[in-house]
Amino acid sequence: MADLGIARIGTAPAADGTLTRADLADVAHRKLGLSRSESASVVERVLHHMCHALSQGKNVKISGFGTFILRDKGERVGRNPKTGVEVPIAPRRVMTFRASQIMRDRIAK
């Protein structure tokens, strides 16, 4: 899997250990030689295309990384834990992420 060095970023990520859009753009800037604005634009376009596909009801699969899967959940009855009153929960669409086997193996190390 070509990772552009994302798994080995030389600079420290945010204090909470989160990889951000800015971090991804910085990696594209350093590894691909794009200008900072071009690299930020590339990251934004990739994320835009992913969001657009998901909003159109398509699943998004990134080989070696994982799959964003959309599921339609039906209406069901829930219960207020404080009062015990039954409440209908409306049908909705949810997104889940399933990591690829490659990603799971890397995380387990």
Protein backbone atom coordinates (compact mmCIF):
# COMPACT_ATOMS: atom_id res chain seq x y z
CA MET A 1 0.00 0.00 0.00
CA ALA A 2 1.43 3.37 -0.99
CA ASP A 3 0.88 5.51 2.08
CA LEU A 4 2.74 8.71 1.11
CA GLY A 5 4.51 8.42 4.45
CA ILE A 6 1.33 9.27 6.37
CA ALA A 7 2.00 6.50 8.88
CA ARG A 8 5.49 7.95 9.45
CA ILE A 9 4.83 11.68 9.69
CA GLY A 10 7.99 13.37 10.94
CA THR A 11 6.21 16.14 12.79
CA ALA A 12 4.17 15.38 15.86
CA PRO A 13 0.39 15.25 15.33
CA ALA A 14 -1.94 17.33 17.45
CA ALA A 15 -1.57 16.99 21.22
CA ASP A 16 -4.52 14.60 21.36
CA GLY A 17 -2.95 12.31 18.73
CA THR A 18 -5.43 13.22 15.99
CA LEU A 19 -4.43 13.36 12.33
CA THR A 20 -6.08 16.43 10.80
CA ARG A 21 -6.75 17.77 7.29
CA ALA A 22 -3.84 20.16 7.81
CA ASP A 23 -1.56 17.22 8.68
CA LEU A 24 -2.60 15.40 5.51
CA ALA A 25 -2.06 18.52 3.42
CA ASP A 26 1.37 18.99 5.00
CA VAL A 27 2.36 15.42 4.08
CA ALA A 28 1.22 15.99 0.48
CA HIS A 29 3.20 19.23 0.44
CA ARG A 30 6.40 17.62 1.73
CA LYS A 31 6.24 14.24 -0.07
CA LEU A 32 4.75 15.28 -3.42
CA GLY A 33 6.29 18.71 -3.73
CA LEU A 34 2.95 20.44 -4.19
CA SER A 35 2.48 23.98 -2.94
CA ARG A 36 0.71 24.31 0.37
CA SER A 37 -2.45 25.61 -1.29
CA GLU A 38 -2.39 22.83 -3.92
CA SER A 39 -1.92 20.13 -1.30
CA ALA A 40 -4.75 21.55 0.84
CA SER A 41 -6.93 21.66 -2.29
CA VAL A 42 -6.16 18.01 -3.11
CA VAL A 43 -7.12 16.91 0.41
CA GLU A 44 -10.32 18.95 0.26
CA ARG A 45 -11.27 17.55 -3.15
CA VAL A 46 -10.73 13.95 -2.04
CA LEU A 47 -12.85 14.50 1.07
CA HIS A 48 -15.49 16.31 -0.99
CA HIS A 49 -15.75 13.38 -3.45
CA MET A 50 -16.03 10.92 -0.57
CA CYS A 51 -18.78 12.98 1.12
CA HIS A 52 -20.62 13.44 -2.17
CA ALA A 53 -20.57 9.68 -2.90
CA LEU A 54 -21.86 8.92 0.61
CA SER A 55 -24.60 11.54 0.31
CA GLN A 56 -25.67 9.85 -2.95
CA GLY A 57 -26.08 6.55 -1.07
CA LYS A 58 -22.86 4.94 -2.32
CA ASN A 59 -20.37 3.10 -0.14
CA VAL A 60 -16.75 4.32 -0.28
CA LYS A 61 -13.97 1.74 -0.40
CA ILE A 62 -10.32 2.72 -0.12
CA SER A 63 -8.17 -0.30 -0.85
CA GLY A 64 -5.79 -1.13 1.99
CA PHE A 65 -7.59 1.28 4.33
CA GLY A 66 -11.24 0.35 4.71
CA THR A 67 -14.84 0.85 3.63
CA PHE A 68 -17.39 3.45 4.68
CA ILE A 69 -20.72 1.60 4.57
CA LEU A 70 -24.20 3.12 4.62
CA ARG A 71 -27.03 1.23 6.33
CA ASP A 72 -30.70 2.07 6.52
CA LYS A 73 -32.10 1.32 9.96
CA GLY A 74 -35.80 0.77 10.36
CA GLU A 75 -38.09 2.33 12.91
CA ARG A 76 -37.92 0.77 16.34
CA VAL A 77 -39.15 1.30 19.86
CA GLY A 78 -36.71 2.63 22.42
CA ARG A 79 -37.12 3.27 26.11
CA ASN A 80 -36.29 6.35 28.17
CA PRO A 81 -33.96 4.91 30.84
CA LYS A 82 -35.06 7.47 33.43
CA THR A 83 -38.81 7.13 33.12
CA GLY A 84 -39.19 3.78 31.38
CA VAL A 85 -41.54 5.33 28.81
CA GLU A 86 -41.42 3.73 25.37
CA VAL A 87 -40.46 6.14 22.58
CA PRO A 88 -40.52 5.45 18.83
CA ILE A 89 -37.13 5.93 17.16
CA ALA A 90 -37.48 7.13 13.57
CA PRO A 91 -35.90 5.24 10.67
CA ARG A 92 -32.53 6.67 9.67
CA ARG A 93 -29.41 6.10 7.62
CA VAL A 94 -26.16 5.47 9.49
CA MET A 95 -22.59 5.24 8.32
CA THR A 96 -20.14 2.70 9.65
CA PHE A 97 -16.47 2.14 8.92
CA ARG A 98 -14.96 -1.28 8.44
CA ALA A 99 -11.16 -1.33 8.44
CA SER A 100 -9.43 -3.49 5.84
CA GLN A 101 -7.43 -6.51 6.94
CA ILE A 102 -4.22 -4.63 6.11
CA MET A 103 -5.26 -1.77 8.38
CA ARG A 104 -6.31 -4.13 11.19
CA ASP A 105 -2.94 -5.90 10.97
CA ARG A 106 -1.05 -2.58 11.13
CA ILE A 107 -3.06 -1.39 14.13
CA ALA A 108 -2.55 -4.69 15.98
CA LYS A 109 1.26 -4.37 15.84
